[in-house]
């Protein structure tokens, strides 16, 4: 798949089969993330890969429990409110049952932590699309970055105390066989041209 096509046809996938993608494909996706640009070429984005179903189930239970304890406030982001509401109802699986979750972290206090991680996440989503795998950016762990229970779990598996959770990505085979690639009309993201006359 040509690069521009992979970018323009990328869509989020939220329904996956249980089939584990081949290790080689997962490694290619991670490598795409590792080759993303970073501020001053710092290369400090950390990728923690979960592909064990039992660990993912355990983490989903922790996330549901911690979100269920939270109260919704007016100033919260709409998706965060949705996650809290879903957790309070029970049965909330923040990673949509995908077989692979890639947690992305970076240094606390580093001004480009989120930008570097966002570039890596985008690279991985585009690579997943090009490799016929579904993907979806997952923010729930970022929203729980200061939660001691979530951090204690992730620190058992490689998250460093001096790191902040900047995002996550799920990958796997979509239930429909290949990712949804219908291009959708852009109704936002305005463009302003400034030209010399």
Foldseek 3Di string as FASTA:
>chain_A
DDLVLLQQQFDAFQAFDLDDPDPVLVVVLQVLLQPFAFVVSPSFKDKFKDQDPVLLVVLQVVLLVVLCPDDDDPPDDPVSVVSSVVSVVDPDRQRNNFRMKIWIKGFPPDPCGLVSNVRSQSSSSSSCQVVQKHKDKGCSCLVCQVPPVSVVSVVVRPDDPRMTTNTMMGIHAHPVGGDRRDRDDDPDDDDDDDDDD
